[in-house]
Amino acid sequence: MDENIKLWLHDMLAAADEIFSFLPEPRNYLVFAKDIKTQRAVERNIEIIGEAMSRVLKTDPEFKIANARRIVDTRNRVIHGYDTVSSSIIWAIAIKELPVLRAEIAALLKKDRL
């Protein structure tokens, strides 16, 4: 695997881990919805994940990560369409989509080490 791609995958893992560390325990949307600082921190890390994915795809357009284009599109929406992104959308991404992406990236990196 390309060394830059590995670096960007690690960046995505780090951003995902930060998001998980920011979320309230126990996971509670109502607590999240009232905490604008946490929402912005999660949004920022979603931006990082999307930018890193964009760089991966520019380096290797055939790189296989599920929903890669959607991840980049989400980053663009958070940045450029910020007024259309609700706390419920950010929450859904963090709770439903991010664990799947994190596991996929971790598996890719583990496979590359073998």
Protein backbone atom coordinates (compact mmCIF):
# COMPACT_ATOMS: atom_id res chain seq x y z
CA MET A 1 0.00 0.00 0.00
CA ASP A 2 1.20 3.51 -0.81
CA GLU A 3 2.82 5.19 2.22
CA ASN A 4 0.71 8.34 1.85
CA ILE A 5 -2.46 6.27 1.76
CA LYS A 6 -1.38 4.52 4.96
CA LEU A 7 -0.82 7.91 6.59
CA TRP A 8 -4.26 9.14 5.55
CA LEU A 9 -5.90 5.95 6.76
CA HIS A 10 -4.20 6.44 10.12
CA ASP A 11 -5.46 10.04 10.15
CA MET A 12 -8.99 8.73 9.60
CA LEU A 13 -8.60 6.25 12.46
CA ALA A 14 -7.33 8.97 14.77
CA ALA A 15 -10.24 11.26 13.83
CA ALA A 16 -12.74 8.44 14.40
CA ASP A 17 -11.21 7.67 17.78
CA GLU A 18 -11.43 11.35 18.75
CA ILE A 19 -15.09 11.41 17.76
CA PHE A 20 -15.81 8.37 19.92
CA SER A 21 -13.97 9.98 22.84
CA PHE A 22 -16.06 13.16 22.51
CA LEU A 23 -19.46 11.46 22.51
CA PRO A 24 -21.36 11.32 25.79
CA GLU A 25 -21.38 8.12 27.84
CA PRO A 26 -23.82 6.55 27.85
CA ARG A 27 -24.55 7.46 24.22
CA ASN A 28 -27.40 9.93 24.42
CA TYR A 29 -28.49 12.12 21.53
CA LEU A 30 -30.24 14.63 23.77
CA VAL A 31 -27.02 15.32 25.67
CA PHE A 32 -25.13 15.63 22.37
CA ALA A 33 -27.76 17.97 20.89
CA LYS A 34 -27.30 20.40 23.78
CA ASP A 35 -23.48 20.43 23.56
CA ILE A 36 -22.45 22.71 20.70
CA LYS A 37 -18.72 22.29 21.46
CA THR A 38 -18.92 18.53 21.07
CA GLN A 39 -20.98 18.89 17.91
CA ARG A 40 -18.35 21.16 16.37
CA ALA A 41 -15.51 18.87 17.45
CA VAL A 42 -17.26 15.91 15.84
CA GLU A 43 -17.96 17.92 12.69
CA ARG A 44 -14.29 18.90 12.46
CA ASN A 45 -13.20 15.29 12.66
CA ILE A 46 -15.75 14.32 10.02
CA GLU A 47 -14.16 16.99 7.83
CA ILE A 48 -10.73 15.46 8.45
CA ILE A 49 -11.99 11.98 7.58
CA GLY A 50 -13.54 13.28 4.37
CA GLU A 51 -10.43 15.22 3.36
CA ALA A 52 -8.19 12.22 4.03
CA MET A 53 -10.53 10.05 1.95
CA SER A 54 -10.43 12.59 -0.85
CA ARG A 55 -6.64 12.42 -0.85
CA VAL A 56 -6.73 8.62 -0.92
CA LEU A 57 -9.05 8.66 -3.93
CA LYS A 58 -6.92 11.24 -5.74
CA THR A 59 -3.89 9.02 -5.25
CA ASP A 60 -5.71 5.78 -6.09
CA PRO A 61 -9.17 6.24 -7.62
CA GLU A 62 -9.76 2.46 -7.42
CA PHE A 63 -9.01 2.23 -3.67
CA LYS A 64 -11.66 0.06 -2.08
CA ILE A 65 -13.43 1.53 0.92
CA ALA A 66 -17.20 1.24 1.12
CA ASN A 67 -18.98 4.54 0.57
CA ALA A 68 -15.73 6.38 -0.17
CA ARG A 69 -17.45 8.92 -2.42
CA ARG A 70 -20.21 9.47 0.16
CA ILE A 71 -17.56 10.17 2.80
CA VAL A 72 -16.02 12.90 0.64
CA ASP A 73 -19.47 14.27 -0.20
CA THR A 74 -20.31 14.42 3.52
CA ARG A 75 -17.14 16.41 4.17
CA ASN A 76 -18.12 18.83 1.42
CA ARG A 77 -21.61 19.19 2.82
CA VAL A 78 -20.35 19.86 6.36
CA ILE A 79 -17.96 22.52 5.04
CA HIS A 80 -19.93 24.14 2.22
CA GLY A 81 -23.49 23.35 3.23
CA TYR A 82 -22.99 23.83 6.95
CA ASP A 83 -26.44 25.38 7.24
CA THR A 84 -28.05 22.13 6.03
CA VAL A 85 -26.30 19.87 8.55
CA SER A 86 -28.22 19.18 11.73
CA SER A 87 -27.01 17.70 14.98
CA SER A 88 -29.13 14.62 14.23
CA ILE A 89 -27.24 14.04 10.96
CA ILE A 90 -23.88 14.35 12.71
CA TRP A 91 -25.09 12.01 15.47
CA ALA A 92 -26.28 9.41 12.96
CA ILE A 93 -22.94 9.48 11.16
CA ALA A 94 -21.02 9.11 14.42
CA ILE A 95 -23.19 6.32 15.81
CA LYS A 96 -24.10 4.31 12.71
CA GLU A 97 -21.56 4.95 9.97
CA LEU A 98 -18.33 5.65 11.79
CA PRO A 99 -17.94 2.31 13.60
CA VAL A 100 -18.27 0.50 10.26
CA LEU A 101 -15.73 2.76 8.57
CA ARG A 102 -13.30 2.48 11.47
CA ALA A 103 -13.45 -1.32 11.38
CA GLU A 104 -12.92 -1.35 7.61
CA ILE A 105 -9.87 0.93 7.83
CA ALA A 106 -8.39 -1.04 10.72
CA ALA A 107 -8.78 -4.26 8.71
CA LEU A 108 -7.09 -2.70 5.65
CA LEU A 109 -4.15 -1.55 7.74
CA LYS A 110 -3.85 -4.89 9.51
CA LYS A 111 -3.95 -6.75 6.19
CA ASP A 112 -1.19 -4.49 4.86
CA ARG A 113 1.06 -5.41 7.82
CA LEU A 114 0.76 -9.13 7.20
